[in-house]
């Protein structure tokens, strides 16, 4: 089940306290301070901790990673990536009351997608 972005660090740290390995969905959180605490708790726990990036196996992204790591595109100083073909229908936003709200998500991509 998806949880609001604000709760990701809190729930992850609770799992560490209970001795449970964590695979956290992105984003790690809304506030850098909470994410730092989560990362510190993960390290101290000695448990497995990972972040989920659902598009990581997409051939386009894998090829881009390969090109950057091989140096084929030179030393990157900055990049911009605009994706215009991702779409969320209204049913997606209606499925959870926290989606596409400042209170629930703290802004970010999903909020921008709706407006």
N, C-alpha and C. Protein backbone atom coordinates (compact mmCIF):
# COMPACT_ATOMS: atom_id res chain seq x y z
N UNK A 1 0.84 -1.18 0.00
CA UNK A 1 0.00 0.00 0.00
C UNK A 1 0.88 1.24 0.00
N UNK A 2 0.52 2.20 -0.78
CA UNK A 2 1.26 3.46 -0.83
C UNK A 2 0.94 4.30 0.39
N UNK A 3 1.95 4.99 0.87
CA UNK A 3 1.77 5.88 2.02
C UNK A 3 2.23 7.27 1.62
N UNK A 4 1.71 8.28 2.28
CA UNK A 4 2.13 9.65 1.96
C UNK A 4 3.65 9.81 2.11
N UNK A 5 4.22 10.66 1.30
CA UNK A 5 5.66 10.86 1.27
C UNK A 5 6.22 11.25 2.63
N UNK A 6 5.49 12.04 3.39
CA UNK A 6 5.96 12.47 4.70
C UNK A 6 6.22 11.27 5.62
N UNK A 7 5.48 10.18 5.43
CA UNK A 7 5.58 9.04 6.35
C UNK A 7 6.70 8.07 6.01
N UNK A 8 7.34 8.19 4.87
CA UNK A 8 8.36 7.22 4.47
C UNK A 8 9.50 7.11 5.49
N UNK A 9 10.11 8.23 5.95
CA UNK A 9 11.17 8.07 6.94
C UNK A 9 10.67 7.47 8.25
N UNK A 10 9.55 7.94 8.73
CA UNK A 10 9.00 7.46 10.00
C UNK A 10 8.72 5.96 9.96
N UNK A 11 8.07 5.49 8.91
CA UNK A 11 7.74 4.06 8.81
C UNK A 11 9.00 3.22 8.61
N UNK A 12 9.97 3.74 7.86
CA UNK A 12 11.22 3.01 7.66
C UNK A 12 11.96 2.85 8.99
N UNK A 13 12.04 3.94 9.76
CA UNK A 13 12.74 3.87 11.04
C UNK A 13 12.03 2.94 12.02
N UNK A 14 10.73 2.91 11.97
CA UNK A 14 9.97 1.98 12.82
C UNK A 14 10.30 0.54 12.44
N UNK A 15 10.40 0.28 11.15
CA UNK A 15 10.75 -1.07 10.70
C UNK A 15 12.15 -1.46 11.19
N UNK A 16 13.11 -0.54 11.10
CA UNK A 16 14.46 -0.83 11.59
C UNK A 16 14.43 -1.20 13.07
N UNK A 17 13.66 -0.45 13.84
CA UNK A 17 13.57 -0.71 15.27
C UNK A 17 13.01 -2.11 15.55
N UNK A 18 12.19 -2.62 14.63
CA UNK A 18 11.59 -3.94 14.79
C UNK A 18 12.42 -5.04 14.13
N UNK A 19 13.58 -4.66 13.59
CA UNK A 19 14.46 -5.65 12.96
C UNK A 19 14.01 -6.07 11.58
N UNK A 20 13.32 -5.19 10.88
CA UNK A 20 12.77 -5.51 9.56
C UNK A 20 13.58 -4.78 8.48
N UNK A 21 13.99 -5.52 7.45
CA UNK A 21 14.66 -4.92 6.29
C UNK A 21 13.67 -3.99 5.59
N UNK A 22 14.17 -2.96 4.92
CA UNK A 22 13.29 -1.95 4.31
C UNK A 22 13.62 -1.73 2.84
N UNK A 23 12.59 -1.74 2.02
CA UNK A 23 12.65 -1.26 0.65
C UNK A 23 11.66 -0.11 0.60
N UNK A 24 12.17 1.10 0.54
CA UNK A 24 11.33 2.30 0.62
C UNK A 24 11.03 2.83 -0.78
N UNK A 25 9.80 3.14 -1.01
CA UNK A 25 9.41 3.75 -2.28
C UNK A 25 9.90 5.19 -2.32
N UNK A 26 10.19 5.68 -3.49
CA UNK A 26 10.58 7.07 -3.64
C UNK A 26 9.35 7.96 -3.51
N UNK A 27 9.49 9.17 -3.14
CA UNK A 27 10.70 9.79 -2.65
C UNK A 27 11.00 9.32 -1.24
N UNK A 28 12.26 9.45 -0.83
CA UNK A 28 12.65 9.01 0.50
C UNK A 28 11.88 9.78 1.57
N UNK A 29 11.51 10.98 1.28
CA UNK A 29 10.76 11.81 2.21
C UNK A 29 10.60 13.20 1.63
N UNK A 30 10.06 14.08 2.42
CA UNK A 30 9.84 15.45 1.98
C UNK A 30 10.93 16.38 2.52
N UNK A 31 11.37 16.12 3.74
CA UNK A 31 12.36 16.98 4.39
C UNK A 31 13.71 16.28 4.46
N UNK A 32 14.76 16.98 4.07
CA UNK A 32 16.11 16.41 4.08
C UNK A 32 16.51 15.94 5.47
N UNK A 33 16.14 16.67 6.50
CA UNK A 33 16.51 16.29 7.86
C UNK A 33 15.92 14.92 8.23
N UNK A 34 14.68 14.68 7.87
CA UNK A 34 14.04 13.39 8.17
C UNK A 34 14.69 12.27 7.36
N UNK A 35 15.06 12.55 6.13
CA UNK A 35 15.72 11.53 5.30
C UNK A 35 17.10 11.22 5.85
N UNK A 36 17.83 12.23 6.32
CA UNK A 36 19.13 11.98 6.95
C UNK A 36 18.99 11.08 8.17
N UNK A 37 17.97 11.36 8.99
CA UNK A 37 17.74 10.52 10.18
C UNK A 37 17.43 9.08 9.76
N UNK A 38 16.63 8.93 8.71
CA UNK A 38 16.29 7.60 8.22
C UNK A 38 17.55 6.88 7.75
N UNK A 39 18.41 7.56 7.00
CA UNK A 39 19.65 6.95 6.51
C UNK A 39 20.57 6.56 7.65
N UNK A 40 20.65 7.41 8.67
CA UNK A 40 21.48 7.10 9.84
C UNK A 40 20.92 5.88 10.58
N UNK A 41 19.60 5.83 10.71
CA UNK A 41 18.96 4.68 11.38
C UNK A 41 19.20 3.40 10.59
N UNK A 42 19.15 3.50 9.27
CA UNK A 42 19.40 2.32 8.42
C UNK A 42 20.82 1.81 8.64
N UNK A 43 21.79 2.72 8.64
CA UNK A 43 23.18 2.33 8.82
C UNK A 43 23.40 1.70 10.20
N UNK A 44 22.83 2.32 11.22
CA UNK A 44 22.99 1.81 12.58
C UNK A 44 22.31 0.46 12.79
N UNK A 45 21.26 0.20 12.03
CA UNK A 45 20.49 -1.03 12.21
C UNK A 45 21.22 -2.27 11.73
N UNK A 46 22.10 -2.10 10.73
CA UNK A 46 22.77 -3.26 10.13
C UNK A 46 21.85 -4.07 9.23
N UNK A 47 20.66 -3.55 8.98
CA UNK A 47 19.69 -4.24 8.12
C UNK A 47 19.84 -3.81 6.67
N UNK A 48 19.21 -4.53 5.78
CA UNK A 48 19.22 -4.17 4.37
C UNK A 48 18.25 -3.01 4.17
N UNK A 49 18.71 -1.97 3.48
CA UNK A 49 17.89 -0.79 3.20
C UNK A 49 18.09 -0.39 1.75
N UNK A 50 17.01 -0.19 1.05
CA UNK A 50 17.10 0.23 -0.34
C UNK A 50 15.96 1.15 -0.71
N UNK A 51 16.19 1.91 -1.79
CA UNK A 51 15.15 2.78 -2.33
C UNK A 51 14.66 2.18 -3.64
N UNK A 52 13.37 2.24 -3.85
CA UNK A 52 12.76 1.69 -5.06
C UNK A 52 12.69 2.78 -6.13
N UNK A 53 13.20 2.46 -7.28
CA UNK A 53 13.09 3.33 -8.44
C UNK A 53 12.47 2.49 -9.54
N UNK A 54 11.17 2.65 -9.73
CA UNK A 54 10.40 1.74 -10.57
C UNK A 54 10.84 1.72 -12.04
N UNK A 55 11.46 2.76 -12.51
CA UNK A 55 11.85 2.80 -13.92
C UNK A 55 13.30 2.35 -14.14
N UNK A 56 13.95 1.84 -13.11
CA UNK A 56 15.37 1.53 -13.19
C UNK A 56 15.72 0.48 -14.24
N UNK A 57 14.78 -0.39 -14.59
CA UNK A 57 15.08 -1.44 -15.57
C UNK A 57 14.62 -1.09 -16.98
N UNK A 58 14.02 0.07 -17.15
CA UNK A 58 13.59 0.52 -18.48
C UNK A 58 14.83 0.62 -19.37
N UNK A 59 14.80 0.02 -20.55
CA UNK A 59 15.98 0.03 -21.43
C UNK A 59 16.51 1.43 -21.74
N UNK A 60 15.63 2.42 -21.84
CA UNK A 60 16.08 3.78 -22.12
C UNK A 60 16.96 4.30 -20.98
N UNK A 61 16.51 4.11 -19.75
CA UNK A 61 17.26 4.60 -18.60
C UNK A 61 18.55 3.81 -18.41
N UNK A 62 18.50 2.53 -18.66
CA UNK A 62 19.71 1.71 -18.53
C UNK A 62 20.76 2.15 -19.55
N UNK A 63 20.32 2.46 -20.78
CA UNK A 63 21.25 2.91 -21.82
C UNK A 63 21.84 4.26 -21.44
N UNK A 64 21.02 5.15 -20.91
CA UNK A 64 21.53 6.46 -20.50
C UNK A 64 22.57 6.31 -19.39
N UNK A 65 22.28 5.45 -18.44
CA UNK A 65 23.23 5.20 -17.34
C UNK A 65 24.55 4.67 -17.90
N UNK A 66 24.44 3.73 -18.83
CA UNK A 66 25.63 3.16 -19.45
C UNK A 66 26.44 4.24 -20.17
N UNK A 67 25.76 5.13 -20.89
CA UNK A 67 26.45 6.19 -21.62
C UNK A 67 27.16 7.16 -20.68
N UNK A 68 26.51 7.51 -19.58
CA UNK A 68 27.12 8.42 -18.62
C UNK A 68 28.31 7.75 -17.95
N UNK A 69 28.13 6.52 -17.48
CA UNK A 69 29.22 5.83 -16.78
C UNK A 69 30.42 5.54 -17.67
N UNK A 70 30.18 5.32 -18.96
CA UNK A 70 31.28 5.01 -19.88
C UNK A 70 32.03 6.26 -20.31
N UNK A 71 31.47 7.43 -20.06
CA UNK A 71 32.09 8.68 -20.48
C UNK A 71 31.74 9.06 -21.91
N UNK A 72 30.83 8.33 -22.53
CA UNK A 72 30.47 8.58 -23.93
C UNK A 72 29.92 9.99 -24.15
N UNK A 73 29.37 10.59 -23.12
CA UNK A 73 28.79 11.94 -23.27
C UNK A 73 29.66 12.99 -22.60
N UNK A 74 30.87 12.61 -22.20
CA UNK A 74 31.78 13.55 -21.54
C UNK A 74 31.43 13.73 -20.07
N UNK A 75 32.06 14.69 -19.45
CA UNK A 75 31.79 15.00 -18.05
C UNK A 75 30.53 15.84 -17.96
N UNK A 76 29.53 15.31 -17.29
CA UNK A 76 28.29 16.07 -17.15
C UNK A 76 28.44 17.16 -16.11
N UNK A 77 27.97 18.32 -16.43
CA UNK A 77 27.96 19.44 -15.50
C UNK A 77 26.53 19.70 -15.02
N UNK A 78 25.60 19.48 -15.90
CA UNK A 78 24.18 19.71 -15.58
C UNK A 78 23.37 18.99 -16.64
N UNK A 79 22.18 18.57 -16.25
CA UNK A 79 21.29 17.96 -17.24
C UNK A 79 19.85 18.37 -16.96
N UNK A 80 19.08 18.37 -17.97
CA UNK A 80 17.64 18.61 -17.88
C UNK A 80 16.97 17.45 -18.58
N UNK A 81 15.93 16.94 -17.99
CA UNK A 81 15.23 15.82 -18.59
C UNK A 81 13.74 16.11 -18.48
N UNK A 82 13.12 16.30 -19.58
CA UNK A 82 11.69 16.58 -19.60
C UNK A 82 10.96 15.37 -20.15
N UNK A 83 10.05 14.84 -19.35
CA UNK A 83 9.27 13.67 -19.77
C UNK A 83 7.83 14.13 -19.95
N UNK A 84 7.32 13.96 -21.14
CA UNK A 84 5.97 14.47 -21.42
C UNK A 84 4.95 13.37 -21.67
N UNK A 85 5.36 12.10 -21.57
CA UNK A 85 4.41 11.05 -21.89
C UNK A 85 3.93 10.26 -20.68
N UNK A 86 4.20 10.75 -19.47
CA UNK A 86 3.67 10.10 -18.28
C UNK A 86 2.35 10.76 -17.95
N UNK A 87 1.37 9.95 -17.64
CA UNK A 87 0.04 10.49 -17.39
C UNK A 87 -0.62 9.74 -16.24
N UNK A 88 -1.26 10.44 -15.37
CA UNK A 88 -2.07 9.86 -14.29
C UNK A 88 -3.50 10.34 -14.50
N UNK A 89 -4.43 9.41 -14.58
CA UNK A 89 -5.82 9.82 -14.75
C UNK A 89 -6.42 10.20 -13.39
N UNK A 90 -7.60 10.73 -13.42
CA UNK A 90 -8.23 11.22 -12.19
C UNK A 90 -8.47 10.11 -11.18
N UNK A 91 -8.71 8.89 -11.66
CA UNK A 91 -8.92 7.76 -10.74
C UNK A 91 -7.69 7.54 -9.85
N UNK A 92 -6.52 7.76 -10.41
CA UNK A 92 -5.29 7.63 -9.61
C UNK A 92 -5.31 8.61 -8.45
N UNK A 93 -5.64 9.85 -8.71
CA UNK A 93 -5.65 10.87 -7.66
C UNK A 93 -6.78 10.63 -6.66
N UNK A 94 -7.88 10.10 -7.14
CA UNK A 94 -9.02 9.83 -6.26
C UNK A 94 -8.78 8.61 -5.36
N UNK A 95 -7.81 7.77 -5.73
CA UNK A 95 -7.60 6.52 -5.00
C UNK A 95 -7.05 6.72 -3.59
N UNK A 96 -6.41 7.84 -3.33
CA UNK A 96 -5.87 8.16 -2.01
C UNK A 96 -6.04 9.66 -1.79
N UNK A 97 -6.59 10.03 -0.66
CA UNK A 97 -6.86 11.43 -0.38
C UNK A 97 -5.63 12.31 -0.28
N UNK A 98 -4.46 11.73 -0.02
CA UNK A 98 -3.24 12.52 0.14
C UNK A 98 -2.55 12.83 -1.18
N UNK A 99 -2.94 12.15 -2.25
CA UNK A 99 -2.24 12.35 -3.52
C UNK A 99 -2.54 13.73 -4.10
N UNK A 100 -1.50 14.32 -4.66
CA UNK A 100 -1.59 15.63 -5.32
C UNK A 100 -2.03 16.73 -4.37
N UNK A 101 -1.61 16.62 -3.11
CA UNK A 101 -1.88 17.69 -2.15
C UNK A 101 -0.57 18.10 -1.49
N UNK A 102 -0.47 19.35 -1.11
CA UNK A 102 0.72 19.82 -0.39
C UNK A 102 0.82 19.10 0.94
N UNK A 103 -0.30 18.92 1.62
CA UNK A 103 -0.28 18.27 2.93
C UNK A 103 0.15 16.81 2.81
N UNK A 104 -0.30 16.13 1.79
CA UNK A 104 0.00 14.71 1.64
C UNK A 104 1.32 14.40 0.99
N UNK A 105 1.73 15.19 0.02
CA UNK A 105 2.94 14.88 -0.73
C UNK A 105 4.05 15.91 -0.57
N UNK A 106 3.70 17.07 -0.11
CA UNK A 106 4.72 18.11 0.03
C UNK A 106 5.16 18.70 -1.29
N UNK A 107 4.32 18.57 -2.30
CA UNK A 107 4.67 19.07 -3.62
C UNK A 107 5.33 17.97 -4.43
N UNK A 108 6.08 18.34 -5.42
CA UNK A 108 6.82 17.37 -6.20
C UNK A 108 6.12 16.96 -7.48
N UNK A 109 6.67 15.94 -8.08
CA UNK A 109 6.25 15.51 -9.42
C UNK A 109 4.77 15.21 -9.51
N UNK A 110 4.24 14.47 -8.60
CA UNK A 110 2.84 14.08 -8.72
C UNK A 110 1.91 15.28 -8.61
N UNK A 111 2.30 16.23 -7.80
CA UNK A 111 1.50 17.45 -7.69
C UNK A 111 1.54 18.21 -9.01
N UNK A 112 2.71 18.29 -9.58
CA UNK A 112 2.87 19.02 -10.83
C UNK A 112 2.12 18.31 -11.96
N UNK A 113 2.09 16.98 -11.96
CA UNK A 113 1.41 16.25 -13.03
C UNK A 113 -0.06 16.61 -13.10
N UNK A 114 -0.65 16.88 -11.97
CA UNK A 114 -2.09 17.13 -11.96
C UNK A 114 -2.43 18.51 -12.48
N UNK A 115 -1.57 19.48 -12.27
CA UNK A 115 -1.93 20.87 -12.60
C UNK A 115 -1.20 21.40 -13.78
